[in-house]
Amino acid sequence: MLADDFMEVASIHVNIFDLRDYEKALKRGDDAELQRFPNVRELADYSIDEDLIYPKKLAKQEGALKFMLRKIFRMPRPDDNPGPDLV
């Protein structure tokens, strides 16, 4: 059962800052939507472009949030392609 839960969480790609804002809005009774990304690449691009990188140390201190962390800095970005002359 635990492995199934982990796989479920691993398949969800949301920005943690957005997730926390979403949770606060729901607690206030506000209508809210949470943007979900189809893959880690699109989540990484959004998080980097919007400067919404949640600190790893903080997420690990907050328990379950550590399971929402994704490796976004180790992935080459599409604009980082060096081109054929530099390979």
PDB file of N, CA and C in Angstrom:
ATOM      1  N   MET A   1       0.822  -1.203   0.000  1.00  0.00           N
ATOM      2  CA  MET A   1       0.000   0.000   0.000  1.00  0.00           C
ATOM      3  C   MET A   1       0.863   1.263   0.000  1.00  0.00           C
ATOM      4  N   LEU A   2       1.887   1.289   0.826  1.00  0.00           N
ATOM      5  CA  LEU A   2       2.755   2.456   0.902  1.00  0.00           C
ATOM      6  C   LEU A   2       3.429   2.737  -0.432  1.00  0.00           C
ATOM      7  N   ALA A   3       3.866   1.689  -1.125  1.00  0.00           N
ATOM      8  CA  ALA A   3       4.494   1.859  -2.434  1.00  0.00           C
ATOM      9  C   ALA A   3       3.512   2.477  -3.419  1.00  0.00           C
ATOM     10  N   ASP A   4       2.243   2.074  -3.363  1.00  0.00           N
ATOM     11  CA  ASP A   4       1.229   2.652  -4.238  1.00  0.00           C
ATOM     12  C   ASP A   4       1.047   4.136  -3.942  1.00  0.00           C
ATOM     13  N   ASP A   5       1.041   4.495  -2.672  1.00  0.00           N
ATOM     14  CA  ASP A   5       0.907   5.904  -2.284  1.00  0.00           C
ATOM     15  C   ASP A   5       2.092   6.717  -2.784  1.00  0.00           C
ATOM     16  N   PHE A   6       3.286   6.157  -2.657  1.00  0.00           N
ATOM     17  CA  PHE A   6       4.482   6.862  -3.123  1.00  0.00           C
ATOM     18  C   PHE A   6       4.415   7.075  -4.628  1.00  0.00           C
ATOM     19  N   MET A   7       3.992   6.053  -5.365  1.00  0.00           N
ATOM     20  CA  MET A   7       3.891   6.175  -6.819  1.00  0.00           C
ATOM     21  C   MET A   7       2.849   7.221  -7.205  1.00  0.00           C
ATOM     22  N   GLU A   8       1.789   7.299  -6.435  1.00  0.00           N
ATOM     23  CA  GLU A   8       0.755   8.314  -6.695  1.00  0.00           C
ATOM     24  C   GLU A   8       1.337   9.717  -6.527  1.00  0.00           C
ATOM     25  N   VAL A   9       2.051   9.942  -5.437  1.00  0.00           N
ATOM     26  CA  VAL A   9       2.658  11.247  -5.182  1.00  0.00           C
ATOM     27  C   VAL A   9       3.728  11.547  -6.226  1.00  0.00           C
ATOM     28  N   ALA A  10       4.499  10.547  -6.606  1.00  0.00           N
ATOM     29  CA  ALA A  10       5.568  10.741  -7.582  1.00  0.00           C
ATOM     30  C   ALA A  10       5.024  11.146  -8.950  1.00  0.00           C
ATOM     31  N   SER A  11       3.775  10.831  -9.226  1.00  0.00           N
ATOM     32  CA  SER A  11       3.196  11.163 -10.529  1.00  0.00           C
ATOM     33  C   SER A  11       2.535  12.550 -10.538  1.00  0.00           C
ATOM     34  N   ILE A  12       2.526  13.230  -9.402  1.00  0.00           N
ATOM     35  CA  ILE A  12       1.918  14.557  -9.302  1.00  0.00           C
ATOM     36  C   ILE A  12       3.015  15.605  -9.387  1.00  0.00           C
ATOM     37  N   HIS A  13       2.874  16.522 -10.334  1.00  0.00           N
ATOM     38  CA  HIS A  13       3.884  17.554 -10.541  1.00  0.00           C
ATOM     39  C   HIS A  13       3.241  18.919 -10.331  1.00  0.00           C
ATOM     40  N   VAL A  14       3.432  19.473  -9.126  1.00  0.00           N
ATOM     41  CA  VAL A  14       2.917  20.804  -8.786  1.00  0.00           C
ATOM     42  C   VAL A  14       4.020  21.592  -8.100  1.00  0.00           C
ATOM     43  N   ASN A  15       3.939  22.895  -8.199  1.00  0.00           N
ATOM     44  CA  ASN A  15       4.881  23.751  -7.505  1.00  0.00           C
ATOM     45  C   ASN A  15       4.471  23.825  -6.034  1.00  0.00           C
ATOM     46  N   ILE A  16       5.427  23.643  -5.129  1.00  0.00           N
ATOM     47  CA  ILE A  16       5.104  23.600  -3.705  1.00  0.00           C
ATOM     48  C   ILE A  16       4.591  24.951  -3.203  1.00  0.00           C
ATOM     49  N   PHE A  17       5.147  26.054  -3.689  1.00  0.00           N
ATOM     50  CA  PHE A  17       4.613  27.365  -3.296  1.00  0.00           C
ATOM     51  C   PHE A  17       3.150  27.477  -3.706  1.00  0.00           C
ATOM     52  N   ASP A  18       2.845  27.046  -4.929  1.00  0.00           N
ATOM     53  CA  ASP A  18       1.459  27.080  -5.407  1.00  0.00           C
ATOM     54  C   ASP A  18       0.574  26.151  -4.577  1.00  0.00           C
ATOM     55  N   LEU A  19       1.104  25.001  -4.202  1.00  0.00           N
ATOM     56  CA  LEU A  19       0.356  24.050  -3.390  1.00  0.00           C
ATOM     57  C   LEU A  19      -0.004  24.649  -2.033  1.00  0.00           C
ATOM     58  N   ARG A  20       0.933  25.340  -1.425  1.00  0.00           N
ATOM     59  CA  ARG A  20       0.671  25.966  -0.122  1.00  0.00           C
ATOM     60  C   ARG A  20      -0.350  27.097  -0.254  1.00  0.00           C
ATOM     61  N   ASP A  21      -0.237  27.903  -1.317  1.00  0.00           N
ATOM     62  CA  ASP A  21      -1.228  28.962  -1.554  1.00  0.00           C
ATOM     63  C   ASP A  21      -2.611  28.369  -1.795  1.00  0.00           C
ATOM     64  N   TYR A  22      -2.660  27.271  -2.522  1.00  0.00           N
ATOM     65  CA  TYR A  22      -3.920  26.576  -2.799  1.00  0.00           C
ATOM     66  C   TYR A  22      -4.558  26.106  -1.490  1.00  0.00           C
ATOM     67  N   GLU A  23      -3.761  25.507  -0.636  1.00  0.00           N
ATOM     68  CA  GLU A  23      -4.260  25.016   0.650  1.00  0.00           C
ATOM     69  C   GLU A  23      -4.805  26.166   1.502  1.00  0.00           C
ATOM     70  N   LYS A  24      -4.088  27.284   1.536  1.00  0.00           N
ATOM     71  CA  LYS A  24      -4.546  28.449   2.317  1.00  0.00           C
ATOM     72  C   LYS A  24      -5.864  28.989   1.772  1.00  0.00           C
ATOM     73  N   ALA A  25      -5.979  29.050   0.443  1.00  0.00           N
ATOM     74  CA  ALA A  25      -7.208  29.548  -0.175  1.00  0.00           C
ATOM     75  C   ALA A  25      -8.393  28.651   0.178  1.00  0.00           C
ATOM     76  N   LEU A  26      -8.190  27.349   0.136  1.00  0.00           N
ATOM     77  CA  LEU A  26      -9.273  26.419   0.480  1.00  0.00           C
ATOM     78  C   LEU A  26      -9.676  26.563   1.944  1.00  0.00           C
ATOM     79  N   LYS A  27      -8.706  26.770   2.814  1.00  0.00           N
ATOM     80  CA  LYS A  27      -9.016  26.946   4.238  1.00  0.00           C
ATOM     81  C   LYS A  27      -9.831  28.213   4.483  1.00  0.00           C
ATOM     82  N   ARG A  28      -9.602  29.238   3.668  1.00  0.00           N
ATOM     83  CA  ARG A  28     -10.373  30.478   3.780  1.00  0.00           C
ATOM     84  C   ARG A  28     -11.754  30.346   3.151  1.00  0.00           C
ATOM     85  N   GLY A  29     -11.949  29.272   2.416  1.00  0.00           N
ATOM     86  CA  GLY A  29     -13.222  29.076   1.729  1.00  0.00           C
ATOM     87  C   GLY A  29     -13.248  29.701   0.345  1.00  0.00           C
ATOM     88  N   ASP A  30     -12.103  30.116  -0.155  1.00  0.00           N
ATOM     89  CA  ASP A  30     -12.016  30.712  -1.489  1.00  0.00           C
ATOM     90  C   ASP A  30     -12.000  29.620  -2.561  1.00  0.00           C
ATOM     91  N   ASP A  31     -12.507  29.984  -3.743  1.00  0.00           N
ATOM     92  CA  ASP A  31     -12.350  29.089  -4.886  1.00  0.00           C
ATOM     93  C   ASP A  31     -10.889  29.138  -5.296  1.00  0.00           C
ATOM     94  N   ALA A  32     -10.315  28.003  -5.610  1.00  0.00           N
ATOM     95  CA  ALA A  32      -8.903  27.968  -5.988  1.00  0.00           C
ATOM     96  C   ALA A  32      -8.661  26.839  -6.974  1.00  0.00           C
ATOM     97  N   GLU A  33      -7.674  27.046  -7.802  1.00  0.00           N
ATOM     98  CA  GLU A  33      -7.228  26.008  -8.721  1.00  0.00           C
ATOM     99  C   GLU A  33      -5.735  25.817  -8.526  1.00  0.00           C
ATOM    100  N   LEU A  34      -5.297  24.602  -8.681  1.00  0.00           N
ATOM    101  CA  LEU A  34      -3.885  24.273  -8.552  1.00  0.00           C
ATOM    102  C   LEU A  34      -3.383  23.799  -9.903  1.00  0.00           C
ATOM    103  N   GLN A  35      -2.372  24.486 -10.405  1.00  0.00           N
ATOM    104  CA  GLN A  35      -1.817  24.112 -11.700  1.00  0.00           C
ATOM    105  C   GLN A  35      -1.001  22.836 -11.555  1.00  0.00           C
ATOM    106  N   ARG A  36      -1.369  21.834 -12.353  1.00  0.00           N
ATOM    107  CA  ARG A  36      -0.621  20.576 -12.387  1.00  0.00           C
ATOM    108  C   ARG A  36       0.109  20.506 -13.717  1.00  0.00           C
ATOM    109  N   PHE A  37       1.315  19.987 -13.665  1.00  0.00           N
ATOM    110  CA  PHE A  37       2.141  19.892 -14.862  1.00  0.00           C
ATOM    111  C   PHE A  37       2.221  18.438 -15.309  1.00  0.00           C
ATOM    112  N   PRO A  38       2.259  18.200 -16.615  1.00  0.00           N
ATOM    113  CA  PRO A  38       2.259  16.822 -17.112  1.00  0.00           C
ATOM    114  C   PRO A  38       3.576  16.081 -16.860  1.00  0.00           C
ATOM    115  N   ASN A  39       4.651  16.843 -16.609  1.00  0.00           N
ATOM    116  CA  ASN A  39       5.943  16.196 -16.389  1.00  0.00           C
ATOM    117  C   ASN A  39       6.867  17.128 -15.606  1.00  0.00           C
ATOM    118  N   VAL A  40       7.982  16.569 -15.169  1.00  0.00           N
ATOM    119  CA  VAL A  40       8.932  17.334 -14.355  1.00  0.00           C
ATOM    120  C   VAL A  40       9.547  18.474 -15.160  1.00  0.00           C
ATOM    121  N   ARG A  41       9.772  18.268 -16.452  1.00  0.00           N
ATOM    122  CA  ARG A  41      10.387  19.308 -17.296  1.00  0.00           C
ATOM    123  C   ARG A  41       9.543  20.584 -17.279  1.00  0.00           C
ATOM    124  N   GLU A  42       8.234  20.455 -17.464  1.00  0.00           N
ATOM    125  CA  GLU A  42       7.375  21.642 -17.492  1.00  0.00           C
ATOM    126  C   GLU A  42       7.277  22.272 -16.103  1.00  0.00           C
ATOM    127  N   LEU A  43       7.252  21.457 -15.060  1.00  0.00           N
ATOM    128  CA  LEU A  43       7.277  21.983 -13.697  1.00  0.00           C
ATOM    129  C   LEU A  43       8.580  22.734 -13.452  1.00  0.00           C
ATOM    130  N   ALA A  44       9.697  22.171 -13.875  1.00  0.00           N
ATOM    131  CA  ALA A  44      11.002  22.811 -13.688  1.00  0.00           C
ATOM    132  C   ALA A  44      11.059  24.145 -14.421  1.00  0.00           C
ATOM    133  N   ASP A  45      10.623  24.167 -15.668  1.00  0.00           N
ATOM    134  CA  ASP A  45      10.641  25.419 -16.439  1.00  0.00           C
ATOM    135  C   ASP A  45       9.807  26.496 -15.747  1.00  0.00           C
ATOM    136  N   TYR A  46       8.608  26.139 -15.318  1.00  0.00           N
ATOM    137  CA  TYR A  46       7.732  27.090 -14.625  1.00  0.00           C
ATOM    138  C   TYR A  46       8.372  27.580 -13.331  1.00  0.00           C
ATOM    139  N   SER A  47       8.867  26.647 -12.520  1.00  0.00           N
ATOM    140  CA  SER A  47       9.429  27.001 -11.214  1.00  0.00           C
ATOM    141  C   SER A  47      10.648  27.908 -11.352  1.00  0.00           C
ATOM    142  N   ILE A  48      11.503  27.613 -12.315  1.00  0.00           N
ATOM    143  CA  ILE A  48      12.700  28.432 -12.531  1.00  0.00           C
ATOM    144  C   ILE A  48      12.318  29.784 -13.109  1.00  0.00           C
ATOM    145  N   ASP A  49      11.461  29.791 -14.127  1.00  0.00           N
ATOM    146  CA  ASP A  49      11.064  31.048 -14.774  1.00  0.00           C
ATOM    147  C   ASP A  49      10.349  31.992 -13.816  1.00  0.00           C
ATOM    148  N   GLU A  50       9.536  31.436 -12.913  1.00  0.00           N
ATOM    149  CA  GLU A  50       8.768  32.257 -11.966  1.00  0.00           C
ATOM    150  C   GLU A  50       9.500  32.467 -10.637  1.00  0.00           C
ATOM    151  N   ASP A  51      10.714  31.939 -10.522  1.00  0.00           N
ATOM    152  CA  ASP A  51      11.517  32.028  -9.301  1.00  0.00           C
ATOM    153  C   ASP A  51      10.742  31.494  -8.100  1.00  0.00           C
ATOM    154  N   LEU A  52      10.180  30.302  -8.276  1.00  0.00           N
ATOM    155  CA  LEU A  52       9.390  29.648  -7.232  1.00  0.00           C
ATOM    156  C   LEU A  52      10.028  28.311  -6.850  1.00  0.00           C
ATOM    157  N   ILE A  53      11.273  28.382  -6.421  1.00  0.00           N
ATOM    158  CA  ILE A  53      12.011  27.185  -6.023  1.00  0.00           C
ATOM    159  C   ILE A  53      11.892  27.039  -4.512  1.00  0.00           C
ATOM    160  N   TYR A  54      11.229  25.997  -4.083  1.00  0.00           N
ATOM    161  CA  TYR A  54      11.021  25.774  -2.651  1.00  0.00           C
ATOM    162  C   TYR A  54      12.302  25.203  -2.047  1.00  0.00           C
ATOM    163  N   PRO A  55      12.773  25.768  -0.936  1.00  0.00           N
ATOM    164  CA  PRO A  55      14.032  25.293  -0.338  1.00  0.00           C
ATOM    165  C   PRO A  55      13.946  23.830   0.115  1.00  0.00           C
ATOM    166  N   LYS A  56      14.890  23.020  -0.348  1.00  0.00           N
ATOM    167  CA  LYS A  56      14.903  21.600  -0.015  1.00  0.00           C
ATOM    168  C   LYS A  56      14.954  21.380   1.497  1.00  0.00           C
ATOM    169  N   LYS A  57      15.772  22.158   2.175  1.00  0.00           N
ATOM    170  CA  LYS A  57      15.916  22.004   3.624  1.00  0.00           C
ATOM    171  C   LYS A  57      14.574  22.236   4.328  1.00  0.00           C
ATOM    172  N   LEU A  58      13.853  23.244   3.909  1.00  0.00           N
ATOM    173  CA  LEU A  58      12.555  23.553   4.513  1.00  0.00           C
ATOM    174  C   LEU A  58      11.537  22.444   4.224  1.00  0.00           C
ATOM    175  N   ALA A  59      11.507  21.968   3.000  1.00  0.00           N
ATOM    176  CA  ALA A  59      10.565  20.905   2.641  1.00  0.00           C
ATOM    177  C   ALA A  59      10.834  19.643   3.453  1.00  0.00           C
ATOM    178  N   LYS A  60      12.098  19.321   3.655  1.00  0.00           N
ATOM    179  CA  LYS A  60      12.434  18.120   4.432  1.00  0.00           C
ATOM    180  C   LYS A  60      12.048  18.281   5.896  1.00  0.00           C
ATOM    181  N   GLN A  61      12.082  19.506   6.415  1.00  0.00           N
ATOM    182  CA  GLN A  61      11.691  19.760   7.800  1.00  0.00           C
ATOM    183  C   GLN A  61      10.173  19.655   7.973  1.00  0.00           C
ATOM    184  N   GLU A  62       9.428  19.891   6.908  1.00  0.00           N
ATOM    185  CA  GLU A  62       7.975  19.927   6.991  1.00  0.00           C
ATOM    186  C   GLU A  62       7.333  18.574   6.716  1.00  0.00           C
ATOM    187  N   GLY A  63       8.111  17.523   6.742  1.00  0.00           N
ATOM    188  CA  GLY A  63       7.554  16.176   6.638  1.00  0.00           C
ATOM    189  C   GLY A  63       7.155  15.769   5.245  1.00  0.00           C
ATOM    190  N   ALA A  64       5.861  15.658   5.005  1.00  0.00           N
ATOM    191  CA  ALA A  64       5.345  15.090   3.761  1.00  0.00           C
ATOM    192  C   ALA A  64       5.740  15.892   2.524  1.00  0.00           C
ATOM    193  N   LEU A  65       6.044  17.169   2.666  1.00  0.00           N
ATOM    194  CA  LEU A  65       6.435  17.969   1.502  1.00  0.00           C
ATOM    195  C   LEU A  65       7.694  17.430   0.840  1.00  0.00           C
ATOM    196  N   LYS A  66       8.542  16.755   1.587  1.00  0.00           N
ATOM    197  CA  LYS A  66       9.774  16.237   0.993  1.00  0.00           C
ATOM    198  C   LYS A  66       9.478  15.257  -0.140  1.00  0.00           C
ATOM    199  N   PHE A  67       8.315  14.623  -0.097  1.00  0.00           N
ATOM    200  CA  PHE A  67       7.954  13.696  -1.160  1.00  0.00           C
ATOM    201  C   PHE A  67       7.487  14.420  -2.423  1.00  0.00           C
ATOM    202  N   MET A  68       7.245  15.724  -2.312  1.00  0.00           N
ATOM    203  CA  MET A  68       6.833  16.508  -3.477  1.00  0.00           C
ATOM    204  C   MET A  68       8.022  17.128  -4.204  1.00  0.00           C
ATOM    205  N   LEU A  69       9.214  17.037  -3.614  1.00  0.00           N
ATOM    206  CA  LEU A  69      10.398  17.616  -4.247  1.00  0.00           C
ATOM    207  C   LEU A  69      10.739  16.880  -5.536  1.00  0.00           C
ATOM    208  N   ARG A  70      11.172  17.648  -6.528  1.00  0.00           N
ATOM    209  CA  ARG A  70      11.618  17.079  -7.799  1.00  0.00           C
ATOM    210  C   ARG A  70      12.997  17.642  -8.108  1.00  0.00           C
ATOM    211  N   LYS A  71      13.810  16.864  -8.797  1.00  0.00           N
ATOM    212  CA  LYS A  71      15.134  17.324  -9.216  1.00  0.00           C
ATOM    213  C   LYS A  71      14.956  18.160 -10.473  1.00  0.00           C
ATOM    214  N   ILE A  72      15.040  19.475 -10.307  1.00  0.00           N
ATOM    215  CA  ILE A  72      14.797  20.339 -11.470  1.00  0.00           C
ATOM    216  C   ILE A  72      16.053  21.025 -11.982  1.00  0.00           C
ATOM    217  N   PHE A  73      17.108  21.055 -11.204  1.00  0.00           N
ATOM    218  CA  PHE A  73      18.315  21.734 -11.660  1.00  0.00           C
ATOM    219  C   PHE A  73      19.273  20.814 -12.399  1.00  0.00           C
ATOM    220  N   ARG A  74      19.102  19.536 -12.293  1.00  0.00           N
ATOM    221  CA  ARG A  74      20.003  18.597 -12.959  1.00  0.00           C
ATOM    222  C   ARG A  74      19.543  18.257 -14.366  1.00  0.00           C
ATOM    223  N   MET A  75      18.426  18.795 -14.760  1.00  0.00           N
ATOM    224  CA  MET A  75      17.889  18.505 -16.084  1.00  0.00           C
ATOM    225  C   MET A  75      18.349  19.589 -17.053  1.00  0.00           C
ATOM    226  N   PRO A  76      18.864  19.205 -18.221  1.00  0.00           N
ATOM    227  CA  PRO A  76      19.227  20.239 -19.198  1.00  0.00           C
ATOM    228  C   PRO A  76      17.973  20.937 -19.701  1.00  0.00           C
ATOM    229  N   ARG A  77      18.042  22.234 -19.799  1.00  0.00           N
ATOM    230  CA  ARG A  77      16.909  22.991 -20.329  1.00  0.00           C
ATOM    231  C   ARG A  77      17.023  23.046 -21.845  1.00  0.00           C
ATOM    232  N   PRO A  78      15.916  23.161 -22.553  1.00  0.00           N
ATOM    233  CA  PRO A  78      15.952  23.161 -24.028  1.00  0.00           C
ATOM    234  C   PRO A  78      16.862  24.236 -24.594  1.00  0.00           C
ATOM    235  N   ASP A  79      16.968  25.397 -23.927  1.00  0.00           N
ATOM    236  CA  ASP A  79      17.797  26.479 -24.439  1.00  0.00           C
ATOM    237  C   ASP A  79      19.279  26.288 -24.086  1.00  0.00           C
ATOM    238  N   ASP A  80      19.631  25.175 -23.408  1.00  0.00           N
ATOM    239  CA  ASP A  80      21.015  24.898 -23.056  1.00  0.00           C
ATOM    240  C   ASP A  80      21.724  24.036 -24.101  1.00  0.00           C
ATOM    241  N   ASN A  81      21.068  23.752 -25.206  1.00  0.00           N
ATOM    242  CA  ASN A  81      21.669  22.932 -26.250  1.00  0.00           C
ATOM    243  C   ASN A  81      22.879  23.658 -26.841  1.00  0.00           C
ATOM    244  N   PRO A  82      24.084  23.075 -26.742  1.00  0.00           N
ATOM    245  CA  PRO A  82      25.269  23.777 -27.215  1.00  0.00           C
ATOM    246  C   PRO A  82      25.384  23.864 -28.736  1.00  0.00           C
ATOM    247  N   GLY A  83      24.620  23.073 -29.459  1.00  0.00           N
ATOM    248  CA  GLY A  83      24.695  23.116 -30.917  1.00  0.00           C
ATOM    249  C   GLY A  83      25.790  22.195 -31.439  1.00  0.00           C
ATOM    250  N   PRO A  84      25.765  21.899 -32.728  1.00  0.00           N
ATOM    251  CA  PRO A  84      26.694  20.910 -33.291  1.00  0.00           C
ATOM    252  C   PRO A  84      28.156  21.339 -33.252  1.00  0.00           C
ATOM    253  N   ASP A  85      28.463  22.631 -33.302  1.00  0.00           N
ATOM    254  CA  ASP A  85      29.846  23.078 -33.305  1.00  0.00           C
ATOM    255  C   ASP A  85      30.533  22.902 -31.953  1.00  0.00           C
ATOM    256  N   LEU A  86      29.755  22.807 -30.866  1.00  0.00           N
ATOM    257  CA  LEU A  86      30.339  22.748 -29.536  1.00  0.00           C
ATOM    258  C   LEU A  86      30.280  21.371 -28.909  1.00  0.00           C
ATOM    259  N   VAL A  87      29.759  20.405 -29.628  1.00  0.00           N
ATOM    260  CA  VAL A  87      29.611  19.052 -29.060  1.00  0.00           C
ATOM    261  C   VAL A  87      30.936  18.329 -29.097  1.00  0.00           C
TER     262      VAL A  87
END
